[in-house]
Amino acid sequence: MDALTLAAWSFPVLLVLIFLRVPIGLSMLLLGLLGSGVVYGSVSPVLVQMKTLAYVQFSNHSLTIVPLFLLMGQFAALGGMSRDLFKAAEAFLGHRKGGVGMAAIGACAGFGSICGSSLATAATMGQVALPELRRAGYSGALATGALAAGGTLGILIPPSIVLVIYAILAEQNIANMFAAAMVPGFLAALGYMAVIAIYVRVAPRSAGGIPAVPWSERLRALRAVWPVVVIFVVVIGGIYSGLFTPTEGAAVGAVATGLLAWRNGGLSGKGILTAFELTASGTGMVFLIVLGAAAYNNFLALSQLPQELAEWVGTLGLGPYAVLCAILVFYLVAGCLMDSLSMILLTIPIFFPMISSLDFGLSAEHTAIWFGVLVLIVVEVGLITPPVGMNLFVIQSMAPEISIRDTYRGVWPFVFSDLLRVCILVAFPAITLFILRF
């Protein structure tokens, strides 16, 4: 079997390993090393690769941002910030038609701005908001569908670990990636709120309401969340303005969030040990995926599969937007099977050179940033796309009395909102890129 055929067959083998619940990082590492050994025809180059691969990957200073942002998210969860964000949003929106659901979306957006993880946002906000939605008379379908969709805001609204990894792979400025993702992230939140507003009018029995609260209580709830707003503005604003590097910004955010969690009593007792343990385990998982993807991508490079694929696409005579749409459809389907970080690490070395060679009427830097944001959005749609969306299972596990069929039914309007937003961002790249002009 030649190297090209071997590389092509490695993809279905990788999917089989994933379905057998072998960790994705380990699967890619094993396939990469075994495939490289077959291509080399000797075990010696593979042993040399094993000796240097981890050091080459993890000596990248930019990766230090990963544990810092993970720690920031842990402190935010332990400090009760998710509860404060939801209560503040509920105080202003809860009395409106569909307002409690909109408040949950707004809280997901706020928590995502200091978390950076979709699954963590879905899990944390599910614990806080799901009981309130049920008490307000929301149907199981709408409650679980809204929270599953809201969880994706954890990675769309910066800071985002996946955007950091993409920026490293595509050799782009992390601050510019964060800035470009902000408008699409907030558009996602507004789109989800619009879906809820339409949903409760088409199906009035799917949602109840709560009485309006006095302005004194609204202002009190608002005062409870101002530190979160300050942390977000300082971290993202400081990074984008050049006041400090992304790593320094992550450190500032982790310290500030930790102090806020300590003030709220979230780090008492074993709280801080729990935060460090969960951060360490999350960092280990991310770094294993990074290592496995590096080994697998080395194997693909040896096989010349990316180059052959790019040449084949060139012979088809397709326009730039046709190629882009085909790649996005691939991400949409594959995102249902794999997590976003694995997809980015596995496919960007293949697709990015292909996209870079196409003419979209943009500079090379803007093309890379625009493509990265689009990929992130489409992969995240996979987290809420039945039947394998991970966010759906996270939320449904918190409400076992709600059938998974109801959750599937409730999330589809949010999926359509995502697809509409992707079409708009593809047609109008300026929406993503205009903030970079400032």
Protein backbone atom coordinates (compact mmCIF):
# COMPACT_ATOMS: atom_id res chain seq x y z
CA MET A 1 0.00 0.00 0.00
CA ASP A 2 1.45 3.37 -1.02
CA ALA A 3 1.72 6.27 1.44
CA LEU A 4 -1.17 8.23 -0.09
CA THR A 5 -3.60 5.31 0.17
CA LEU A 6 -2.39 4.59 3.70
CA ALA A 7 -3.12 8.18 4.75
CA ALA A 8 -6.57 8.10 3.15
CA TRP A 9 -7.47 4.90 5.03
CA SER A 10 -6.26 6.38 8.31
CA PHE A 11 -9.30 8.66 8.51
CA PRO A 12 -11.94 5.90 8.77
CA VAL A 13 -9.66 4.05 11.19
CA LEU A 14 -9.49 7.19 13.31
CA LEU A 15 -13.30 7.44 13.35
CA VAL A 16 -13.60 3.80 14.39
CA LEU A 17 -11.22 4.39 17.29
CA ILE A 18 -13.26 7.43 18.35
CA PHE A 19 -16.48 5.40 18.28
CA LEU A 20 -14.74 2.76 20.41
CA ARG A 21 -14.17 5.57 22.94
CA VAL A 22 -10.40 5.63 22.58
CA PRO A 23 -9.28 9.17 23.58
CA ILE A 24 -8.95 11.29 20.45
CA GLY A 25 -5.46 12.50 21.36
CA LEU A 26 -4.21 8.95 21.89
CA SER A 27 -5.86 7.77 18.68
CA MET A 28 -4.14 10.44 16.59
CA LEU A 29 -0.80 9.83 18.33
CA LEU A 30 -0.88 6.07 17.67
CA LEU A 31 -1.99 6.43 14.05
CA GLY A 32 0.56 9.17 13.41
CA LEU A 33 3.49 7.20 14.80
CA LEU A 34 2.47 3.90 13.17
CA GLY A 35 1.78 5.57 9.84
CA SER A 36 5.11 7.41 9.90
CA GLY A 37 6.87 4.14 10.68
CA VAL A 38 5.26 2.46 7.66
CA VAL A 39 6.12 5.38 5.35
CA TYR A 40 9.73 5.51 6.59
CA GLY A 41 10.01 1.73 6.43
CA SER A 42 12.01 1.83 9.66
CA VAL A 43 11.34 2.37 13.33
CA SER A 44 14.44 4.54 13.92
CA PRO A 45 13.01 7.83 12.51
CA VAL A 46 9.86 7.27 14.56
CA LEU A 47 11.91 6.88 17.75
CA VAL A 48 13.70 10.12 16.95
CA GLN A 49 10.34 11.78 16.35
CA MET A 50 9.01 10.52 19.69
CA LYS A 51 12.07 11.94 21.44
CA THR A 52 11.64 15.46 20.07
CA LEU A 53 7.95 15.82 19.23
CA ALA A 54 6.67 16.67 22.72
CA TYR A 55 9.43 19.22 23.35
CA VAL A 56 8.90 20.94 20.00
CA GLN A 57 5.16 21.24 20.62
CA PHE A 58 5.12 22.24 24.26
CA SER A 59 8.06 24.65 24.18
CA ASN A 60 5.79 27.06 22.29
CA HIS A 61 5.34 29.96 24.70
CA SER A 62 1.88 30.78 23.30
CA LEU A 63 0.49 27.53 24.70
CA THR A 64 0.92 28.82 28.26
CA ILE A 65 -2.30 30.72 27.65
CA VAL A 66 -4.25 27.42 27.76
CA PRO A 67 -3.90 26.55 31.48
CA LEU A 68 -4.34 30.20 32.44
CA PHE A 69 -7.66 30.56 30.62
CA LEU A 70 -8.79 27.17 31.96
CA LEU A 71 -7.95 28.32 35.49
CA MET A 72 -9.85 31.55 34.84
CA GLY A 73 -12.93 29.51 33.89
CA GLN A 74 -12.62 27.32 37.00
CA PHE A 75 -12.40 30.34 39.28
CA ALA A 76 -15.42 31.87 37.53
CA ALA A 77 -17.49 28.72 38.10
CA LEU A 78 -16.45 28.30 41.76
CA GLY A 79 -17.01 31.98 42.47
CA GLY A 80 -20.71 31.84 41.60
CA MET A 81 -20.33 34.28 38.73
CA SER A 82 -22.66 32.24 36.54
CA ARG A 83 -25.43 32.65 39.11
CA ASP A 84 -24.85 36.42 39.40
CA LEU A 85 -24.89 36.83 35.62
CA PHE A 86 -28.14 34.92 35.27
CA LYS A 87 -29.86 36.79 38.10
CA ALA A 88 -28.85 40.14 36.62
CA ALA A 89 -30.11 39.22 33.15
CA GLU A 90 -33.29 37.74 34.61
CA ALA A 91 -33.97 40.91 36.61
CA PHE A 92 -34.05 42.98 33.41
CA LEU A 93 -35.58 40.46 30.98
CA GLY A 94 -37.47 37.86 33.00
CA HIS A 95 -40.87 39.59 32.97
CA ARG A 96 -40.92 39.80 29.17
CA LYS A 97 -42.34 37.09 26.93
CA GLY A 98 -39.58 34.51 26.67
CA GLY A 99 -37.47 36.71 28.93
CA VAL A 100 -36.16 34.01 31.26
CA GLY A 101 -34.84 32.07 28.25
CA MET A 102 -33.26 35.25 26.88
CA ALA A 103 -31.70 35.86 30.29
CA ALA A 104 -30.16 32.38 30.15
CA ILE A 105 -28.65 33.19 26.75
CA GLY A 106 -27.31 36.51 28.02
CA ALA A 107 -25.79 34.80 31.06
CA CYS A 108 -24.17 32.19 28.81
CA ALA A 109 -22.62 34.99 26.76
CA GLY A 110 -21.34 36.71 29.90
CA PHE A 111 -19.96 33.53 31.41
CA GLY A 112 -18.41 32.55 28.08
CA SER A 113 -16.46 35.80 28.09
CA ILE A 114 -14.49 34.57 31.12
CA CYS A 115 -14.61 30.81 30.50
CA GLY A 116 -13.60 29.88 26.94
CA SER A 117 -15.18 26.41 26.88
CA SER A 118 -18.52 25.38 25.36
CA LEU A 119 -19.04 22.28 27.47
CA ALA A 120 -18.09 24.09 30.67
CA THR A 121 -20.48 26.96 29.86
CA ALA A 122 -23.31 24.54 29.07
CA ALA A 123 -22.72 22.51 32.22
CA THR A 124 -22.35 25.50 34.55
CA MET A 125 -25.25 27.51 33.18
CA GLY A 126 -27.40 24.39 33.02
CA GLN A 127 -27.06 23.96 36.77
CA VAL A 128 -28.00 27.60 37.37
CA ALA A 129 -30.64 28.34 34.76
CA LEU A 130 -32.41 25.04 34.09
CA PRO A 131 -34.30 24.95 37.41
CA GLU A 132 -35.36 28.57 36.93
CA LEU A 133 -36.59 27.90 33.40
CA ARG A 134 -38.63 24.96 34.59
CA ARG A 135 -40.12 26.96 37.48
CA ALA A 136 -41.06 29.70 35.01
CA GLY A 137 -43.11 27.18 33.02
CA TYR A 138 -40.77 26.58 30.08
CA SER A 139 -41.24 23.36 28.15
CA GLY A 140 -38.47 20.79 28.38
CA ALA A 141 -37.73 21.18 24.67
CA LEU A 142 -37.25 24.96 24.81
CA ALA A 143 -35.35 24.96 28.11
CA THR A 144 -32.80 22.32 27.14
CA GLY A 145 -32.51 23.52 23.54
CA ALA A 146 -31.81 27.11 24.60
CA LEU A 147 -29.17 26.12 27.16
CA ALA A 148 -27.44 23.70 24.78
CA ALA A 149 -27.23 26.45 22.16
CA GLY A 150 -26.19 29.05 24.73
CA GLY A 151 -23.30 26.82 25.75
CA THR A 152 -21.66 27.30 22.36
CA LEU A 153 -21.17 30.98 23.22
CA GLY A 154 -18.48 29.86 25.64
CA ILE A 155 -16.09 29.36 22.77
CA LEU A 156 -17.43 31.92 20.29
CA ILE A 157 -17.03 34.92 22.56
CA PRO A 158 -13.35 35.53 23.43
CA PRO A 159 -11.28 34.45 25.18
CA SER A 160 -11.34 31.12 23.35
CA ILE A 161 -8.76 28.36 23.67
CA VAL A 162 -9.63 26.97 20.24
CA LEU A 163 -9.02 30.39 18.66
CA VAL A 164 -5.60 30.47 20.35
CA ILE A 165 -4.73 27.07 18.85
CA TYR A 166 -5.96 28.16 15.41
CA ALA A 167 -3.90 31.36 15.61
CA ILE A 168 -0.80 29.31 16.40
CA LEU A 169 -1.43 26.88 13.54
CA ALA A 170 -2.22 29.64 11.02
CA GLU A 171 0.53 31.93 12.38
CA GLN A 172 -1.93 34.74 13.09
CA ASN A 173 -2.06 37.38 15.81
CA ILE A 174 -4.08 36.09 18.77
CA ALA A 175 -5.37 39.56 19.64
CA ASN A 176 -6.73 40.03 16.10
CA MET A 177 -8.41 36.62 16.24
CA PHE A 178 -10.13 37.56 19.50
CA ALA A 179 -11.24 40.90 18.09
CA ALA A 180 -12.64 39.34 14.90
CA ALA A 181 -14.65 36.75 16.87
CA MET A 182 -16.39 39.30 19.09
CA VAL A 183 -19.01 40.55 16.62
CA PRO A 184 -19.98 37.05 15.35
CA GLY A 185 -20.17 35.90 18.99
CA PHE A 186 -22.53 38.69 20.01
CA LEU A 187 -24.55 38.16 16.81
CA ALA A 188 -24.96 34.54 17.90
CA ALA A 189 -26.35 35.64 21.27
CA LEU A 190 -28.77 38.07 19.63
CA GLY A 191 -29.80 35.40 17.12
CA TYR A 192 -30.57 32.92 19.90
CA MET A 193 -32.65 35.55 21.73
CA ALA A 194 -34.55 36.22 18.51
CA VAL A 195 -35.23 32.49 18.15
CA ILE A 196 -36.70 32.39 21.66
CA ALA A 197 -38.84 35.45 20.95
CA ILE A 198 -40.27 33.79 17.82
CA TYR A 199 -40.58 30.36 19.48
CA VAL A 200 -42.74 31.58 22.39
CA ARG A 201 -45.04 33.43 20.00
CA VAL A 202 -45.48 30.46 17.68
CA ALA A 203 -45.94 28.11 20.66
CA PRO A 204 -47.31 30.29 23.51
CA ARG A 205 -47.63 27.34 25.90
CA SER A 206 -43.92 26.59 25.69
CA ALA A 207 -42.95 29.37 28.10
CA GLY A 208 -44.30 31.16 31.13
CA GLY A 209 -43.05 34.29 32.83
CA ILE A 210 -42.14 35.83 36.14
CA PRO A 211 -43.29 39.11 37.72
CA ALA A 212 -41.28 42.24 37.05
CA VAL A 213 -38.86 43.14 39.82
CA PRO A 214 -38.39 46.66 41.23
CA TRP A 215 -35.60 48.82 39.85
CA SER A 216 -33.84 48.71 43.19
CA GLU A 217 -33.42 44.94 42.85
CA ARG A 218 -32.33 45.30 39.22
CA LEU A 219 -29.60 47.74 40.18
CA ARG A 220 -28.52 45.48 43.04
CA ALA A 221 -28.25 42.53 40.64
CA LEU A 222 -26.33 44.71 38.18
CA ARG A 223 -23.82 45.74 40.84
CA ALA A 224 -23.08 42.07 41.48
CA VAL A 225 -21.80 41.52 37.93
CA TRP A 226 -19.78 44.67 37.28
CA PRO A 227 -16.50 42.92 38.27
CA VAL A 228 -17.08 40.36 35.49
CA VAL A 229 -17.53 43.17 32.96
CA VAL A 230 -14.37 44.88 34.20
CA ILE A 231 -12.36 41.64 33.95
CA PHE A 232 -13.54 41.05 30.36
CA VAL A 233 -12.78 44.63 29.28
CA VAL A 234 -9.35 44.63 30.95
CA VAL A 235 -8.29 41.24 29.54
CA ILE A 236 -9.60 41.59 25.97
CA GLY A 237 -9.01 45.35 25.77
CA GLY A 238 -5.52 45.01 27.20
CA ILE A 239 -4.60 42.27 24.74
CA TYR A 240 -6.01 44.09 21.71
CA SER A 241 -4.51 47.45 22.64
CA GLY A 242 -1.08 45.90 23.15
CA LEU A 243 -0.99 46.80 26.84
CA PHE A 244 0.06 43.22 27.51
CA THR A 245 0.55 39.99 25.57
CA PRO A 246 -2.19 37.33 25.37
CA THR A 247 -0.33 35.24 27.95
CA GLU A 248 -0.03 38.20 30.30
CA GLY A 249 -3.70 39.00 29.71
CA ALA A 250 -4.67 35.45 30.61
CA ALA A 251 -2.58 35.70 33.79
CA VAL A 252 -4.24 39.00 34.73
CA GLY A 253 -7.67 37.46 34.09
CA ALA A 254 -6.88 34.36 36.16
CA VAL A 255 -5.65 36.41 39.13
CA ALA A 256 -8.58 38.85 38.96
CA THR A 257 -11.14 36.05 38.64
CA GLY A 258 -9.45 34.15 41.49
CA LEU A 259 -9.63 37.19 43.77
CA LEU A 260 -13.30 37.67 42.89
CA ALA A 261 -14.03 33.99 43.58
CA TRP A 262 -12.18 34.26 46.92
CA ARG A 263 -14.23 37.32 47.85
CA ASN A 264 -17.44 35.43 47.04
CA GLY A 265 -16.35 32.47 49.17
CA GLY A 266 -15.88 30.06 46.29
CA LEU A 267 -12.28 29.23 47.13
CA SER A 268 -12.84 28.37 50.77
CA GLY A 269 -11.86 24.93 52.00
CA LYS A 270 -10.86 22.70 49.10
CA GLY A 271 -12.14 25.10 46.44
CA ILE A 272 -8.75 26.28 45.25
CA LEU A 273 -7.39 22.70 45.17
CA THR A 274 -10.40 21.66 43.11
CA ALA A 275 -9.76 24.54 40.69
CA PHE A 276 -6.10 23.57 40.24
CA GLU A 277 -6.91 19.86 39.85
CA LEU A 278 -9.56 20.50 37.18
CA THR A 279 -7.25 22.94 35.40
CA ALA A 280 -4.42 20.41 35.41
CA SER A 281 -6.64 17.62 34.05
CA GLY A 282 -8.10 19.92 31.38
CA THR A 283 -4.64 21.13 30.36
CA GLY A 284 -3.40 17.55 30.15
CA MET A 285 -6.31 16.63 27.89
CA VAL A 286 -5.71 19.62 25.60
CA PHE A 287 -1.96 19.01 25.42
CA LEU A 288 -2.46 15.31 24.63
CA ILE A 289 -4.71 16.31 21.72
CA VAL A 290 -2.08 18.83 20.56
CA LEU A 291 0.63 16.16 20.73
CA GLY A 292 -1.49 13.54 18.96
CA ALA A 293 -2.48 15.98 16.21
CA ALA A 294 1.16 16.93 15.67
CA ALA A 295 2.16 13.29 15.21
CA TYR A 296 -0.78 12.61 12.91
CA ASN A 297 -0.16 15.73 10.82
CA ASN A 298 3.51 14.74 10.44
CA PHE A 299 2.33 11.44 9.02
CA LEU A 300 -0.06 13.20 6.61
CA ALA A 301 2.72 15.53 5.50
CA LEU A 302 4.99 12.54 4.80
CA SER A 303 2.25 10.92 2.74
CA GLN A 304 1.78 14.12 0.66
CA LEU A 305 -1.99 13.85 1.14
CA PRO A 306 -2.56 17.59 1.82
CA GLN A 307 -0.61 18.59 -1.28
CA GLU A 308 -2.38 16.02 -3.46
CA LEU A 309 -5.75 17.12 -2.13
CA ALA A 310 -5.00 20.78 -2.86
CA GLU A 311 -3.90 19.93 -6.42
CA TRP A 312 -7.02 17.81 -6.96
CA VAL A 313 -9.30 20.63 -5.84
CA GLY A 314 -7.44 22.97 -8.19
CA THR A 315 -8.17 20.70 -11.15
CA LEU A 316 -11.91 20.82 -10.46
CA GLY A 317 -12.09 24.45 -11.54
CA LEU A 318 -14.31 25.45 -8.62
CA GLY A 319 -14.59 29.06 -7.51
CA PRO A 320 -13.21 30.19 -4.14
CA TYR A 321 -16.63 30.34 -2.47
CA ALA A 322 -17.59 26.87 -3.73
CA VAL A 323 -14.42 25.43 -2.16
CA LEU A 324 -15.07 27.35 1.07
CA CYS A 325 -18.67 26.11 1.28
CA ALA A 326 -17.56 22.51 0.69
CA ILE A 327 -15.04 22.80 3.54
CA LEU A 328 -17.64 24.32 5.86
CA VAL A 329 -20.10 21.52 5.08
CA PHE A 330 -17.36 19.02 5.92
CA TYR A 331 -16.78 20.77 9.26
CA LEU A 332 -20.51 20.82 9.96
CA VAL A 333 -20.77 17.05 9.53
CA ALA A 334 -17.47 16.17 11.21
CA GLY A 335 -18.24 18.51 14.11
CA CYS A 336 -21.03 16.12 15.09
CA LEU A 337 -18.44 13.38 15.65
CA MET A 338 -15.37 15.15 17.07
CA ASP A 339 -14.73 18.00 19.49
CA SER A 340 -13.80 21.39 18.07
CA LEU A 341 -10.17 21.39 19.24
CA SER A 342 -9.46 18.01 17.65
CA MET A 343 -11.08 19.11 14.40
CA ILE A 344 -9.04 22.30 14.25
CA LEU A 345 -5.75 20.56 14.98
CA LEU A 346 -6.44 17.74 12.54
CA THR A 347 -7.75 19.65 9.54
CA ILE A 348 -6.27 23.14 9.52
CA PRO A 349 -2.87 21.91 8.25
CA ILE A 350 -4.79 20.38 5.32
CA PHE A 351 -7.39 23.05 4.54
CA PHE A 352 -5.59 26.26 5.45
CA PRO A 353 -3.00 26.11 2.60
CA MET A 354 -5.88 25.43 0.22
CA ILE A 355 -7.86 28.46 1.41
CA SER A 356 -4.75 30.67 1.42
CA SER A 357 -4.21 29.96 -2.27
CA LEU A 358 -7.71 31.20 -3.21
CA ASP A 359 -8.64 34.80 -4.00
CA PHE A 360 -11.53 36.17 -1.92
CA GLY A 361 -10.60 39.79 -2.53
CA LEU A 362 -9.04 40.00 0.93
CA SER A 363 -5.50 40.27 2.19
CA ALA A 364 -3.78 37.05 3.27
CA GLU A 365 -4.13 38.02 6.95
CA HIS A 366 -7.81 38.88 6.67
CA THR A 367 -8.53 35.68 4.75
CA ALA A 368 -6.89 33.63 7.49
CA ILE A 369 -8.79 35.40 10.28
CA TRP A 370 -12.15 35.28 8.47
CA PHE A 371 -11.71 31.58 7.68
CA GLY A 372 -10.76 30.81 11.28
CA VAL A 373 -13.87 32.45 12.69
CA LEU A 374 -16.10 30.67 10.15
CA VAL A 375 -14.55 27.31 10.97
CA LEU A 376 -14.98 27.88 14.69
CA ILE A 377 -18.66 28.74 14.26
CA VAL A 378 -19.45 25.77 12.03
CA VAL A 379 -17.61 23.27 14.22
CA GLU A 380 -19.49 24.58 17.25
CA VAL A 381 -22.81 24.04 15.44
CA GLY A 382 -21.87 20.35 15.54
CA LEU A 383 -22.06 20.51 19.34
CA ILE A 384 -25.83 21.10 19.14
CA THR A 385 -26.64 19.12 16.00
CA PRO A 386 -28.54 15.87 16.62
CA PRO A 387 -27.93 13.03 17.06
CA VAL A 388 -24.38 13.36 18.47
CA GLY A 389 -24.15 16.96 19.74
CA MET A 390 -22.17 16.91 22.98
CA ASN A 391 -23.90 19.97 24.47
CA LEU A 392 -27.24 18.21 24.06
CA PHE A 393 -26.10 15.30 26.20
CA VAL A 394 -24.56 17.59 28.82
CA ILE A 395 -27.82 19.51 29.28
CA GLN A 396 -30.09 16.49 28.98
CA SER A 397 -28.11 14.66 31.68
CA MET A 398 -29.11 17.44 34.11
CA ALA A 399 -32.79 16.94 33.31
CA PRO A 400 -33.33 13.17 32.94
CA GLU A 401 -37.09 13.69 33.11
CA ILE A 402 -36.89 15.43 29.71
CA SER A 403 -36.58 13.00 26.81
CA ILE A 404 -33.67 13.38 24.42
CA ARG A 405 -36.25 13.57 21.63
CA ASP A 406 -37.67 16.75 23.18
CA THR A 407 -34.16 18.19 23.44
CA TYR A 408 -33.54 17.42 19.77
CA ARG A 409 -36.81 19.10 18.83
CA GLY A 410 -36.05 22.17 20.90
CA VAL A 411 -32.56 22.78 19.52
CA TRP A 412 -33.37 22.77 15.80
CA PRO A 413 -34.51 26.42 15.64
CA PHE A 414 -31.17 27.43 17.15
CA VAL A 415 -29.30 25.33 14.58
CA PHE A 416 -31.16 27.15 11.80
CA SER A 417 -30.18 30.46 13.41
CA ASP A 418 -26.53 29.36 13.35
CA LEU A 419 -26.69 28.31 9.70
CA LEU A 420 -28.29 31.62 8.73
CA ARG A 421 -25.52 33.49 10.57
CA VAL A 422 -22.85 31.45 8.77
CA CYS A 423 -24.40 32.32 5.40
CA ILE A 424 -24.41 36.03 6.31
CA LEU A 425 -20.78 35.96 7.48
CA VAL A 426 -19.69 34.11 4.33
CA ALA A 427 -21.50 36.60 2.10
CA PHE A 428 -20.26 39.65 4.02
CA PRO A 429 -16.72 39.14 5.39
CA ALA A 430 -16.66 42.80 6.49
CA ILE A 431 -18.96 41.94 9.42
CA THR A 432 -16.17 39.80 10.86
CA LEU A 433 -13.28 42.01 9.85
CA PHE A 434 -14.49 45.57 10.33
CA ILE A 435 -13.38 45.77 13.98
CA LEU A 436 -9.78 45.16 12.83
CA ARG A 437 -9.81 48.53 11.08
CA PHE A 438 -9.84 50.38 14.40
